[in-house]
Amino acid sequence: GKDELWGKDLGVIEHHKDSLHDIRSVSKSIV
């Protein structure tokens, strides 16, 4: 599916178990 890196268009990405993904505000729970 189409994805982004902090707003930068990455196009269509083939996601898999080792793919890093923007977690956006889930970052808040980590902090």
PDB file of all heavy atoms in Angstrom:
ATOM      1  N   GLY A   1       0.809  -1.212   0.000  1.00  0.00           N
ATOM      2  CA  GLY A   1       0.000   0.000   0.000  1.00  0.00           C
ATOM      3  C   GLY A   1       0.838   1.256   0.000  1.00  0.00           C
ATOM      4  O   GLY A   1       2.042   1.235   0.289  1.00  0.00           O
ATOM      5  N   LYS A   2       0.207   2.367  -0.341  1.00  0.00           N
ATOM      6  CA  LYS A   2       0.875   3.664  -0.337  1.00  0.00           C
ATOM      7  C   LYS A   2       1.270   4.033   1.088  1.00  0.00           C
ATOM      8  O   LYS A   2       0.520   3.815   2.023  1.00  0.00           O
ATOM      9  CB  LYS A   2      -0.040   4.747  -0.918  1.00  0.00           C
ATOM     10  CG  LYS A   2      -0.208   4.673  -2.430  1.00  0.00           C
ATOM     11  CD  LYS A   2      -1.135   5.764  -2.945  1.00  0.00           C
ATOM     12  CE  LYS A   2      -0.574   7.160  -2.667  1.00  0.00           C
ATOM     13  NZ  LYS A   2       0.704   7.410  -3.389  1.00  0.00           N
ATOM     14  N   ASP A   3       2.463   4.614   1.206  1.00  0.00           N
ATOM     15  CA  ASP A   3       2.957   4.944   2.539  1.00  0.00           C
ATOM     16  C   ASP A   3       3.732   6.251   2.510  1.00  0.00           C
ATOM     17  O   ASP A   3       4.008   6.802   1.435  1.00  0.00           O
ATOM     18  CB  ASP A   3       3.830   3.799   3.071  1.00  0.00           C
ATOM     19  CG  ASP A   3       3.899   3.775   4.588  1.00  0.00           C
ATOM     20  OD1 ASP A   3       3.173   4.557   5.240  1.00  0.00           O
ATOM     21  OD2 ASP A   3       4.681   2.975   5.124  1.00  0.00           O
ATOM     22  N   GLU A   4       4.075   6.732   3.684  1.00  0.00           N
ATOM     23  CA  GLU A   4       4.815   7.971   3.845  1.00  0.00           C
ATOM     24  C   GLU A   4       5.896   7.801   4.899  1.00  0.00           C
ATOM     25  O   GLU A   4       5.831   6.893   5.737  1.00  0.00           O
ATOM     26  CB  GLU A   4       3.879   9.114   4.300  1.00  0.00           C
ATOM     27  CG  GLU A   4       2.795   9.488   3.326  1.00  0.00           C
ATOM     28  CD  GLU A   4       1.903  10.612   3.860  1.00  0.00           C
ATOM     29  OE1 GLU A   4       2.214  11.144   4.954  1.00  0.00           O
ATOM     30  OE2 GLU A   4       0.917  10.945   3.197  1.00  0.00           O
ATOM     31  N   LEU A   5       6.859   8.688   4.864  1.00  0.00           N
ATOM     32  CA  LEU A   5       7.833   8.840   5.927  1.00  0.00           C
ATOM     33  C   LEU A   5       7.714  10.269   6.431  1.00  0.00           C
ATOM     34  O   LEU A   5       8.203  11.191   5.817  1.00  0.00           O
ATOM     35  CB  LEU A   5       9.246   8.552   5.428  1.00  0.00           C
ATOM     36  CG  LEU A   5      10.346   8.330   6.465  1.00  0.00           C
ATOM     37  CD1 LEU A   5      11.604   7.774   5.807  1.00  0.00           C
ATOM     38  CD2 LEU A   5      10.710   9.607   7.237  1.00  0.00           C
ATOM     39  N   TRP A   6       6.979  10.435   7.522  1.00  0.00           N
ATOM     40  CA  TRP A   6       6.764  11.752   8.144  1.00  0.00           C
ATOM     41  C   TRP A   6       6.327  12.783   7.107  1.00  0.00           C
ATOM     42  O   TRP A   6       6.859  13.871   7.017  1.00  0.00           O
ATOM     43  CB  TRP A   6       8.019  12.215   8.886  1.00  0.00           C
ATOM     44  CG  TRP A   6       7.719  12.927  10.169  1.00  0.00           C
ATOM     45  CD1 TRP A   6       6.953  12.485  11.195  1.00  0.00           C
ATOM     46  CD2 TRP A   6       8.205  14.227  10.561  1.00  0.00           C
ATOM     47  NE1 TRP A   6       6.931  13.413  12.225  1.00  0.00           N
ATOM     48  CE2 TRP A   6       7.689  14.486  11.854  1.00  0.00           C
ATOM     49  CE3 TRP A   6       9.016  15.174   9.965  1.00  0.00           C
ATOM     50  CZ2 TRP A   6       7.973  15.663  12.558  1.00  0.00           C
ATOM     51  CZ3 TRP A   6       9.304  16.343  10.658  1.00  0.00           C
ATOM     52  CH2 TRP A   6       8.771  16.586  11.933  1.00  0.00           C
ATOM     53  N   GLY A   7       5.347  12.375   6.278  1.00  0.00           N
ATOM     54  CA  GLY A   7       4.779  13.280   5.293  1.00  0.00           C
ATOM     55  C   GLY A   7       5.379  13.171   3.900  1.00  0.00           C
ATOM     56  O   GLY A   7       4.794  13.667   2.937  1.00  0.00           O
ATOM     57  N   LYS A   8       6.531  12.519   3.772  1.00  0.00           N
ATOM     58  CA  LYS A   8       7.158  12.345   2.457  1.00  0.00           C
ATOM     59  C   LYS A   8       6.569  11.110   1.786  1.00  0.00           C
ATOM     60  O   LYS A   8       6.597  10.014   2.336  1.00  0.00           O
ATOM     61  CB  LYS A   8       8.665  12.189   2.606  1.00  0.00           C
ATOM     62  CG  LYS A   8       9.384  11.967   1.281  1.00  0.00           C
ATOM     63  CD  LYS A   8      10.875  11.730   1.492  1.00  0.00           C
ATOM     64  CE  LYS A   8      11.577  11.465   0.174  1.00  0.00           C
ATOM     65  NZ  LYS A   8      13.032  11.197   0.376  1.00  0.00           N
ATOM     66  N   ASP A   9       6.050  11.292   0.584  1.00  0.00           N
ATOM     67  CA  ASP A   9       5.419  10.199  -0.147  1.00  0.00           C
ATOM     68  C   ASP A   9       6.454   9.146  -0.532  1.00  0.00           C
ATOM     69  O   ASP A   9       7.451   9.446  -1.188  1.00  0.00           O
ATOM     70  CB  ASP A   9       4.740  10.765  -1.402  1.00  0.00           C
ATOM     71  CG  ASP A   9       3.945   9.721  -2.170  1.00  0.00           C
ATOM     72  OD1 ASP A   9       3.825   8.572  -1.675  1.00  0.00           O
ATOM     73  OD2 ASP A   9       3.442  10.045  -3.265  1.00  0.00           O
ATOM     74  N   LEU A  10       6.210   7.897  -0.127  1.00  0.00           N
ATOM     75  CA  LEU A  10       7.100   6.794  -0.460  1.00  0.00           C
ATOM     76  C   LEU A  10       6.567   5.943  -1.600  1.00  0.00           C
ATOM     77  O   LEU A  10       7.225   4.979  -2.004  1.00  0.00           O
ATOM     78  CB  LEU A  10       7.315   5.903   0.772  1.00  0.00           C
ATOM     79  CG  LEU A  10       7.986   6.553   1.987  1.00  0.00           C
ATOM     80  CD1 LEU A  10       8.065   5.550   3.130  1.00  0.00           C
ATOM     81  CD2 LEU A  10       9.374   7.081   1.645  1.00  0.00           C
ATOM     82  N   GLY A  11       5.379   6.262  -2.090  1.00  0.00           N
ATOM     83  CA  GLY A  11       4.767   5.435  -3.107  1.00  0.00           C
ATOM     84  C   GLY A  11       4.197   4.156  -2.509  1.00  0.00           C
ATOM     85  O   GLY A  11       3.954   4.062  -1.306  1.00  0.00           O
ATOM     86  N   VAL A  12       3.996   3.155  -3.353  1.00  0.00           N
ATOM     87  CA  VAL A  12       3.460   1.879  -2.897  1.00  0.00           C
ATOM     88  C   VAL A  12       4.601   1.030  -2.351  1.00  0.00           C
ATOM     89  O   VAL A  12       5.606   0.817  -3.019  1.00  0.00           O
ATOM     90  CB  VAL A  12       2.739   1.133  -4.037  1.00  0.00           C
ATOM     91  CG1 VAL A  12       2.296  -0.251  -3.578  1.00  0.00           C
ATOM     92  CG2 VAL A  12       1.539   1.947  -4.519  1.00  0.00           C
ATOM     93  N   ILE A  13       4.426   0.563  -1.117  1.00  0.00           N
ATOM     94  CA  ILE A  13       5.455  -0.201  -0.422  1.00  0.00           C
ATOM     95  C   ILE A  13       4.985  -1.643  -0.240  1.00  0.00           C
ATOM     96  O   ILE A  13       3.823  -1.893   0.108  1.00  0.00           O
ATOM     97  CB  ILE A  13       5.760   0.423   0.955  1.00  0.00           C
ATOM     98  CG1 ILE A  13       6.290   1.845   0.793  1.00  0.00           C
ATOM     99  CG2 ILE A  13       6.743  -0.439   1.743  1.00  0.00           C
ATOM    100  CD1 ILE A  13       7.613   1.950   0.077  1.00  0.00           C
ATOM    101  N   GLU A  14       5.891  -2.578  -0.429  1.00  0.00           N
ATOM    102  CA  GLU A  14       5.611  -3.978  -0.148  1.00  0.00           C
ATOM    103  C   GLU A  14       5.968  -4.240   1.314  1.00  0.00           C
ATOM    104  O   GLU A  14       7.129  -4.466   1.658  1.00  0.00           O
ATOM    105  CB  GLU A  14       6.440  -4.882  -1.071  1.00  0.00           C
ATOM    106  CG  GLU A  14       6.159  -6.363  -0.887  1.00  0.00           C
ATOM    107  CD  GLU A  14       6.975  -7.228  -1.821  1.00  0.00           C
ATOM    108  OE1 GLU A  14       7.513  -6.697  -2.809  1.00  0.00           O
ATOM    109  OE2 GLU A  14       7.083  -8.440  -1.553  1.00  0.00           O
ATOM    110  N   HIS A  15       4.978  -4.188   2.176  1.00  0.00           N
ATOM    111  CA  HIS A  15       5.217  -4.315   3.609  1.00  0.00           C
ATOM    112  C   HIS A  15       5.446  -5.768   4.003  1.00  0.00           C
ATOM    113  O   HIS A  15       4.852  -6.683   3.426  1.00  0.00           O
ATOM    114  CB  HIS A  15       4.037  -3.736   4.385  1.00  0.00           C
ATOM    115  CG  HIS A  15       3.816  -2.276   4.131  1.00  0.00           C
ATOM    116  ND1 HIS A  15       4.576  -1.297   4.720  1.00  0.00           N
ATOM    117  CD2 HIS A  15       2.945  -1.630   3.308  1.00  0.00           C
ATOM    118  CE1 HIS A  15       4.173  -0.113   4.296  1.00  0.00           C
ATOM    119  NE2 HIS A  15       3.198  -0.287   3.432  1.00  0.00           N
ATOM    120  N   HIS A  16       6.303  -5.964   5.014  1.00  0.00           N
ATOM    121  CA  HIS A  16       6.586  -7.307   5.516  1.00  0.00           C
ATOM    122  C   HIS A  16       7.026  -7.191   6.969  1.00  0.00           C
ATOM    123  O   HIS A  16       7.087  -6.086   7.525  1.00  0.00           O
ATOM    124  CB  HIS A  16       7.654  -7.995   4.659  1.00  0.00           C
ATOM    125  CG  HIS A  16       8.893  -7.173   4.447  1.00  0.00           C
ATOM    126  ND1 HIS A  16       9.895  -7.069   5.379  1.00  0.00           N
ATOM    127  CD2 HIS A  16       9.272  -6.385   3.405  1.00  0.00           C
ATOM    128  CE1 HIS A  16      10.848  -6.286   4.940  1.00  0.00           C
ATOM    129  NE2 HIS A  16      10.493  -5.847   3.730  1.00  0.00           N
ATOM    130  N   LYS A  17       7.357  -8.309   7.583  1.00  0.00           N
ATOM    131  CA  LYS A  17       7.600  -8.323   9.026  1.00  0.00           C
ATOM    132  C   LYS A  17       8.815  -7.501   9.439  1.00  0.00           C
ATOM    133  O   LYS A  17       8.919  -7.101  10.610  1.00  0.00           O
ATOM    134  CB  LYS A  17       7.754  -9.755   9.534  1.00  0.00           C
ATOM    135  CG  LYS A  17       8.967 -10.504   9.020  1.00  0.00           C
ATOM    136  CD  LYS A  17       8.991 -11.923   9.574  1.00  0.00           C
ATOM    137  CE  LYS A  17      10.192 -12.711   9.046  1.00  0.00           C
ATOM    138  NZ  LYS A  17      11.478 -12.130   9.471  1.00  0.00           N
ATOM    139  N   ASP A  18       9.734  -7.228   8.530  1.00  0.00           N
ATOM    140  CA  ASP A  18      10.919  -6.447   8.863  1.00  0.00           C
ATOM    141  C   ASP A  18      10.821  -4.991   8.409  1.00  0.00           C
ATOM    142  O   ASP A  18      11.797  -4.251   8.504  1.00  0.00           O
ATOM    143  CB  ASP A  18      12.161  -7.094   8.238  1.00  0.00           C
ATOM    144  CG  ASP A  18      12.450  -8.468   8.813  1.00  0.00           C
ATOM    145  OD1 ASP A  18      12.315  -8.634  10.039  1.00  0.00           O
ATOM    146  OD2 ASP A  18      12.781  -9.385   8.033  1.00  0.00           O
ATOM    147  N   SER A  19       9.656  -4.575   7.905  1.00  0.00           N
ATOM    148  CA  SER A  19       9.493  -3.212   7.410  1.00  0.00           C
ATOM    149  C   SER A  19       9.350  -2.219   8.566  1.00  0.00           C
ATOM    150  O   SER A  19       8.487  -2.383   9.428  1.00  0.00           O
ATOM    151  CB  SER A  19       8.234  -3.111   6.542  1.00  0.00           C
ATOM    152  OG  SER A  19       8.296  -3.944   5.422  1.00  0.00           O
ATOM    153  N   LEU A  20      10.178  -1.190   8.546  1.00  0.00           N
ATOM    154  CA  LEU A  20       9.956  -0.070   9.456  1.00  0.00           C
ATOM    155  C   LEU A  20       8.763   0.732   8.940  1.00  0.00           C
ATOM    156  O   LEU A  20       8.605   0.925   7.739  1.00  0.00           O
ATOM    157  CB  LEU A  20      11.186   0.826   9.529  1.00  0.00           C
ATOM    158  CG  LEU A  20      12.404   0.273  10.269  1.00  0.00           C
ATOM    159  CD1 LEU A  20      13.553   1.265  10.216  1.00  0.00           C
ATOM    160  CD2 LEU A  20      12.064  -0.058  11.714  1.00  0.00           C
ATOM    161  N   HIS A  21       7.956   1.210   9.850  1.00  0.00           N
ATOM    162  CA  HIS A  21       6.731   1.925   9.490  1.00  0.00           C
ATOM    163  C   HIS A  21       6.589   3.140  10.385  1.00  0.00           C
ATOM    164  O   HIS A  21       6.880   3.090  11.590  1.00  0.00           O
ATOM    165  CB  HIS A  21       5.526   0.998   9.688  1.00  0.00           C
ATOM    166  CG  HIS A  21       4.280   1.439   8.965  1.00  0.00           C
ATOM    167  ND1 HIS A  21       3.501   2.495   9.411  1.00  0.00           N
ATOM    168  CD2 HIS A  21       3.670   0.969   7.847  1.00  0.00           C
ATOM    169  CE1 HIS A  21       2.469   2.649   8.591  1.00  0.00           C
ATOM    170  NE2 HIS A  21       2.558   1.739   7.633  1.00  0.00           N
ATOM    171  N   ASP A  22       6.167   4.261   9.822  1.00  0.00           N
ATOM    172  CA  ASP A  22       5.789   5.406  10.666  1.00  0.00           C
ATOM    173  C   ASP A  22       4.765   4.938  11.686  1.00  0.00           C
ATOM    174  O   ASP A  22       3.735   4.361  11.319  1.00  0.00           O
ATOM    175  CB  ASP A  22       5.147   6.507   9.809  1.00  0.00           C
ATOM    176  CG  ASP A  22       6.150   7.529   9.303  1.00  0.00           C
ATOM    177  OD1 ASP A  22       7.351   7.218   9.260  1.00  0.00           O
ATOM    178  OD2 ASP A  22       5.723   8.641   8.927  1.00  0.00           O
ATOM    179  N   ILE A  23       5.018   5.224  12.960  1.00  0.00           N
ATOM    180  CA  ILE A  23       3.999   4.909  13.967  1.00  0.00           C
ATOM    181  C   ILE A  23       3.326   6.181  14.476  1.00  0.00           C
ATOM    182  O   ILE A  23       2.437   6.125  15.318  1.00  0.00           O
ATOM    183  CB  ILE A  23       4.577   4.085  15.132  1.00  0.00           C
ATOM    184  CG1 ILE A  23       5.598   4.883  15.947  1.00  0.00           C
ATOM    185  CG2 ILE A  23       5.183   2.788  14.610  1.00  0.00           C
ATOM    186  CD1 ILE A  23       6.030   4.186  17.224  1.00  0.00           C
ATOM    187  N   ARG A  24       3.771   7.310  13.947  1.00  0.00           N
ATOM    188  CA  ARG A  24       3.191   8.616  14.264  1.00  0.00           C
ATOM    189  C   ARG A  24       2.982   8.769  15.777  1.00  0.00           C
ATOM    190  O   ARG A  24       3.909   8.622  16.550  1.00  0.00           O
ATOM    191  CB  ARG A  24       1.914   8.841  13.456  1.00  0.00           C
ATOM    192  CG  ARG A  24       2.162   8.859  11.932  1.00  0.00           C
ATOM    193  CD  ARG A  24       3.085   9.989  11.491  1.00  0.00           C
ATOM    194  NE  ARG A  24       3.439   9.904  10.089  1.00  0.00           N
ATOM    195  CZ  ARG A  24       2.848  10.582   9.111  1.00  0.00           C
ATOM    196  NH1 ARG A  24       1.836  11.391   9.389  1.00  0.00           N
ATOM    197  NH2 ARG A  24       3.261  10.449   7.871  1.00  0.00           N
ATOM    198  N   SER A  25       1.770   9.019  16.228  1.00  0.00           N
ATOM    199  CA  SER A  25       1.587   9.359  17.643  1.00  0.00           C
ATOM    200  C   SER A  25       1.650   8.172  18.595  1.00  0.00           C
ATOM    201  O   SER A  25       1.584   8.371  19.813  1.00  0.00           O
ATOM    202  CB  SER A  25       0.272  10.112  17.839  1.00  0.00           C
ATOM    203  OG  SER A  25       0.386  11.426  17.333  1.00  0.00           O
ATOM    204  N   VAL A  26       1.820   6.965  18.071  1.00  0.00           N
ATOM    205  CA  VAL A  26       2.201   5.868  18.966  1.00  0.00           C
ATOM    206  C   VAL A  26       3.552   6.204  19.602  1.00  0.00           C
ATOM    207  O   VAL A  26       3.879   5.731  20.694  1.00  0.00           O
ATOM    208  CB  VAL A  26       2.243   4.526  18.206  1.00  0.00           C
ATOM    209  CG1 VAL A  26       2.740   3.395  19.105  1.00  0.00           C
ATOM    210  CG2 VAL A  26       0.854   4.179  17.670  1.00  0.00           C
ATOM    211  N   SER A  27       4.323   7.066  18.934  1.00  0.00           N
ATOM    212  CA  SER A  27       5.585   7.563  19.508  1.00  0.00           C
ATOM    213  C   SER A  27       5.353   8.152  20.893  1.00  0.00           C
ATOM    214  O   SER A  27       6.227   8.055  21.771  1.00  0.00           O
ATOM    215  CB  SER A  27       6.193   8.635  18.600  1.00  0.00           C
ATOM    216  OG  SER A  27       6.348   8.188  17.274  1.00  0.00           O
ATOM    217  N   LYS A  28       4.219   8.788  21.094  1.00  0.00           N
ATOM    218  CA  LYS A  28       3.919   9.409  22.384  1.00  0.00           C
ATOM    219  C   LYS A  28       3.905   8.381  23.512  1.00  0.00           C
ATOM    220  O   LYS A  28       4.393   8.636  24.620  1.00  0.00           O
ATOM    221  CB  LYS A  28       2.587  10.152  22.319  1.00  0.00           C
ATOM    222  CG  LYS A  28       2.561  11.350  21.370  1.00  0.00           C
ATOM    223  CD  LYS A  28       1.183  11.983  21.322  1.00  0.00           C
ATOM    224  CE  LYS A  28       1.165  13.314  20.578  1.00  0.00           C
ATOM    225  NZ  LYS A  28       1.401  13.185  19.144  1.00  0.00           N
ATOM    226  N   SER A  29       3.316   7.215  23.227  1.00  0.00           N
ATOM    227  CA  SER A  29       3.268   6.168  24.249  1.00  0.00           C
ATOM    228  C   SER A  29       4.667   5.657  24.566  1.00  0.00           C
ATOM    229  O   SER A  29       4.955   5.295  25.719  1.00  0.00           O
ATOM    230  CB  SER A  29       2.380   5.019  23.772  1.00  0.00           C
ATOM    231  OG  SER A  29       1.081   5.472  23.452  1.00  0.00           O
ATOM    232  N   ILE A  30       5.552   5.625  23.567  1.00  0.00           N
ATOM    233  CA  ILE A  30       6.941   5.230  23.790  1.00  0.00           C
ATOM    234  C   ILE A  30       7.649   6.251  24.671  1.00  0.00           C
ATOM    235  O   ILE A  30       8.379   5.896  25.612  1.00  0.00           O
ATOM    236  CB  ILE A  30       7.685   5.090  22.443  1.00  0.00           C
ATOM    237  CG1 ILE A  30       7.008   4.033  21.552  1.00  0.00           C
ATOM    238  CG2 ILE A  30       9.149   4.776  22.676  1.00  0.00           C
ATOM    239  CD1 ILE A  30       7.226   2.613  21.931  1.00  0.00           C
ATOM    240  N   VAL A  31       7.444   7.534  24.383  1.00  0.00           N
ATOM    241  CA  VAL A  31       8.065   8.588  25.185  1.00  0.00           C
ATOM    242  C   VAL A  31       7.614   8.493  26.643  1.00  0.00           C
ATOM    243  O   VAL A  31       8.428   8.566  27.573  1.00  0.00           O
ATOM    244  CB  VAL A  31       7.749   9.974  24.603  1.00  0.00           C
ATOM    245  CG1 VAL A  31       8.225  11.076  25.553  1.00  0.00           C
ATOM    246  CG2 VAL A  31       8.400  10.143  23.231  1.00  0.00           C
TER     247      VAL A  31
END
